[in-house]
Amino acid sequence: MHFVFGGAFNGKRQWIDEYYAMEQTETLSFQHLNRSVAFHKKVYIVEGFTLWVRERIKTLSIEDTRGLARRIIEKIKKEEKDKGAHFVLIGTEVGKGIVPMEPLDRHFRDVCGYIYQDMIKAASTVDYIWYGIQERLKGE
């Protein structure tokens, strides 16, 4: 699993597209990983994580949202092991800057931070993209 994160509109997807240019890829939404998906490509680019979190925190606790995300991460790891697929998860940095005033926005920021920690722990490779510049934080 490859986790790529950075600020909104900072070139994450462009960097991923260039990095995996020679691979057969398919783009999925994070919300679809909770369903049964027939994986047949080599590389899956997964986006929409922050939208998924925004929807879940309306009805679920931090622990329940994090638990659901952990089950999806485990499913990804299983698919990689069983089928040789490779997943690239895209995360938008939400923890820098001014702490939001609204409780739901603070909750969102906290949940993303906790789940990003889980993703980074599970990932074999982690890259940080800031204004199109990549920095490898984990892996080769």
Protein backbone atom coordinates (compact mmCIF):
# COMPACT_ATOMS: atom_id res chain seq x y z
CA MET A 1 0.00 0.00 0.00
CA HIS A 2 1.26 3.44 -0.94
CA PHE A 3 -0.09 6.46 0.98
CA VAL A 4 0.31 9.84 -0.69
CA PHE A 5 -0.78 12.97 1.14
CA GLY A 6 -0.40 16.72 1.04
CA GLY A 7 -2.38 19.92 0.83
CA ALA A 8 -5.47 20.35 -1.31
CA PHE A 9 -4.62 21.08 -4.95
CA ASN A 10 -0.91 20.58 -4.30
CA GLY A 11 -0.23 18.13 -7.14
CA LYS A 12 -0.80 14.76 -5.46
CA ARG A 13 -2.78 13.23 -8.31
CA GLN A 14 -0.46 14.60 -10.98
CA TRP A 15 2.55 13.17 -9.14
CA ILE A 16 0.82 9.79 -8.77
CA ASP A 17 -0.12 9.72 -12.46
CA GLU A 18 3.49 10.41 -13.42
CA TYR A 19 4.93 7.94 -10.88
CA TYR A 20 2.64 5.12 -12.05
CA ALA A 21 2.63 6.15 -15.72
CA MET A 22 3.52 2.72 -17.08
CA GLU A 23 1.09 0.81 -14.86
CA GLN A 24 -2.45 -0.28 -15.61
CA THR A 25 -4.44 1.79 -13.12
CA GLU A 26 -8.02 2.28 -12.05
CA THR A 27 -9.39 5.02 -9.83
CA LEU A 28 -11.75 4.13 -7.00
CA SER A 29 -13.54 6.15 -4.38
CA PHE A 30 -12.72 5.27 -0.76
CA GLN A 31 -16.42 4.71 -0.10
CA HIS A 32 -16.54 1.90 -2.67
CA LEU A 33 -13.93 -0.12 -0.79
CA ASN A 34 -16.49 -0.99 1.87
CA ARG A 35 -18.44 -2.88 -0.79
CA SER A 36 -17.51 -5.98 -2.74
CA VAL A 37 -15.26 -5.00 -5.64
CA ALA A 38 -13.87 -7.35 -8.28
CA PHE A 39 -10.22 -6.32 -8.41
CA HIS A 40 -8.64 -7.04 -11.78
CA LYS A 41 -6.19 -4.19 -12.38
CA LYS A 42 -2.64 -3.96 -11.10
CA VAL A 43 -2.77 -0.53 -9.42
CA TYR A 44 -5.79 1.07 -7.76
CA ILE A 45 -5.71 4.77 -6.99
CA VAL A 46 -8.10 5.51 -4.13
CA GLU A 47 -9.38 9.03 -3.61
CA GLY A 48 -12.27 10.66 -1.80
CA PHE A 49 -11.13 9.81 1.71
CA THR A 50 -11.99 13.18 3.27
CA LEU A 51 -15.49 13.08 1.75
CA TRP A 52 -15.94 9.59 3.21
CA VAL A 53 -14.89 10.84 6.68
CA ARG A 54 -17.21 13.88 6.47
CA GLU A 55 -20.18 11.59 5.86
CA ARG A 56 -19.26 9.06 8.58
CA ILE A 57 -18.67 11.55 11.39
CA LYS A 58 -22.23 12.82 11.08
CA THR A 59 -23.49 9.59 12.65
CA LEU A 60 -20.46 7.70 14.00
CA SER A 61 -18.04 8.31 16.86
CA ILE A 62 -14.31 8.79 16.33
CA GLU A 63 -13.73 5.19 17.43
CA ASP A 64 -16.42 3.76 15.15
CA THR A 65 -15.23 5.77 12.14
CA ARG A 66 -11.64 4.77 12.79
CA GLY A 67 -12.67 1.13 13.24
CA LEU A 68 -14.51 1.14 9.92
CA ALA A 69 -11.50 2.69 8.20
CA ARG A 70 -9.20 0.09 9.78
CA ARG A 71 -11.39 -2.71 8.37
CA ILE A 72 -11.11 -1.14 4.91
CA ILE A 73 -7.33 -0.87 5.31
CA GLU A 74 -7.21 -4.56 6.30
CA LYS A 75 -9.28 -5.41 3.21
CA ILE A 76 -6.81 -3.48 1.05
CA LYS A 77 -3.86 -5.33 2.59
CA LYS A 78 -5.62 -8.67 2.00
CA GLU A 79 -6.32 -7.82 -1.66
CA GLU A 80 -2.69 -6.87 -2.14
CA LYS A 81 -1.52 -10.13 -0.62
CA ASP A 82 -4.10 -12.44 -2.23
CA LYS A 83 -4.34 -10.89 -5.71
CA GLY A 84 -1.11 -8.99 -6.15
CA ALA A 85 -2.96 -5.71 -6.52
CA HIS A 86 -1.34 -2.48 -5.37
CA PHE A 87 -3.29 0.36 -3.77
CA VAL A 88 -2.37 4.04 -3.71
CA LEU A 89 -4.40 5.96 -1.15
CA ILE A 90 -4.61 9.74 -1.47
CA GLY A 91 -5.05 11.86 1.65
CA THR A 92 -5.53 15.60 1.91
CA GLU A 93 -3.62 17.27 4.74
CA VAL A 94 -6.14 18.82 7.13
CA GLY A 95 -4.13 19.11 10.35
CA LYS A 96 -2.06 22.20 9.62
CA GLY A 97 -3.19 25.74 10.06
CA ILE A 98 -5.75 27.30 12.34
CA VAL A 99 -7.83 24.97 14.51
CA PRO A 100 -11.45 25.18 13.28
CA MET A 101 -14.00 26.89 15.52
CA GLU A 102 -16.89 24.57 14.67
CA PRO A 103 -17.00 21.34 16.72
CA LEU A 104 -17.81 19.18 13.67
CA ASP A 105 -14.83 20.63 11.78
CA ARG A 106 -12.51 19.92 14.74
CA HIS A 107 -13.94 16.40 14.96
CA PHE A 108 -13.29 15.92 11.23
CA ARG A 109 -9.70 17.06 11.60
CA ASP A 110 -9.12 14.71 14.55
CA VAL A 111 -10.63 11.69 12.79
CA CYS A 112 -8.56 12.29 9.65
CA GLY A 113 -5.41 12.55 11.78
CA TYR A 114 -6.08 9.29 13.59
CA ILE A 115 -6.91 7.39 10.39
CA TYR A 116 -3.90 8.85 8.54
CA GLN A 117 -1.74 7.43 11.35
CA ASP A 118 -3.33 4.01 10.71
CA MET A 119 -2.78 4.33 6.96
CA ILE A 120 0.85 5.34 7.39
CA LYS A 121 1.46 2.42 9.75
CA ALA A 122 -0.08 -0.04 7.25
CA ALA A 123 1.56 1.45 4.15
CA SER A 124 4.84 0.16 2.79
CA THR A 125 5.50 3.53 1.11
CA VAL A 126 4.50 7.04 2.18
CA ASP A 127 5.04 10.19 0.15
CA TYR A 128 4.29 13.78 1.07
CA ILE A 129 3.50 16.15 -1.80
CA TRP A 130 3.64 19.89 -1.28
CA TYR A 131 3.19 22.18 -4.30
CA GLY A 132 4.23 19.35 -6.61
CA ILE A 133 7.41 18.48 -4.72
CA GLN A 134 7.59 14.94 -3.37
CA GLU A 135 9.28 13.87 -0.16
CA ARG A 136 9.51 10.17 0.73
CA LEU A 137 8.73 9.60 4.39
CA LYS A 138 8.62 5.79 4.43
CA GLY A 139 9.79 3.01 2.11
CA GLU A 140 12.24 2.84 -0.74
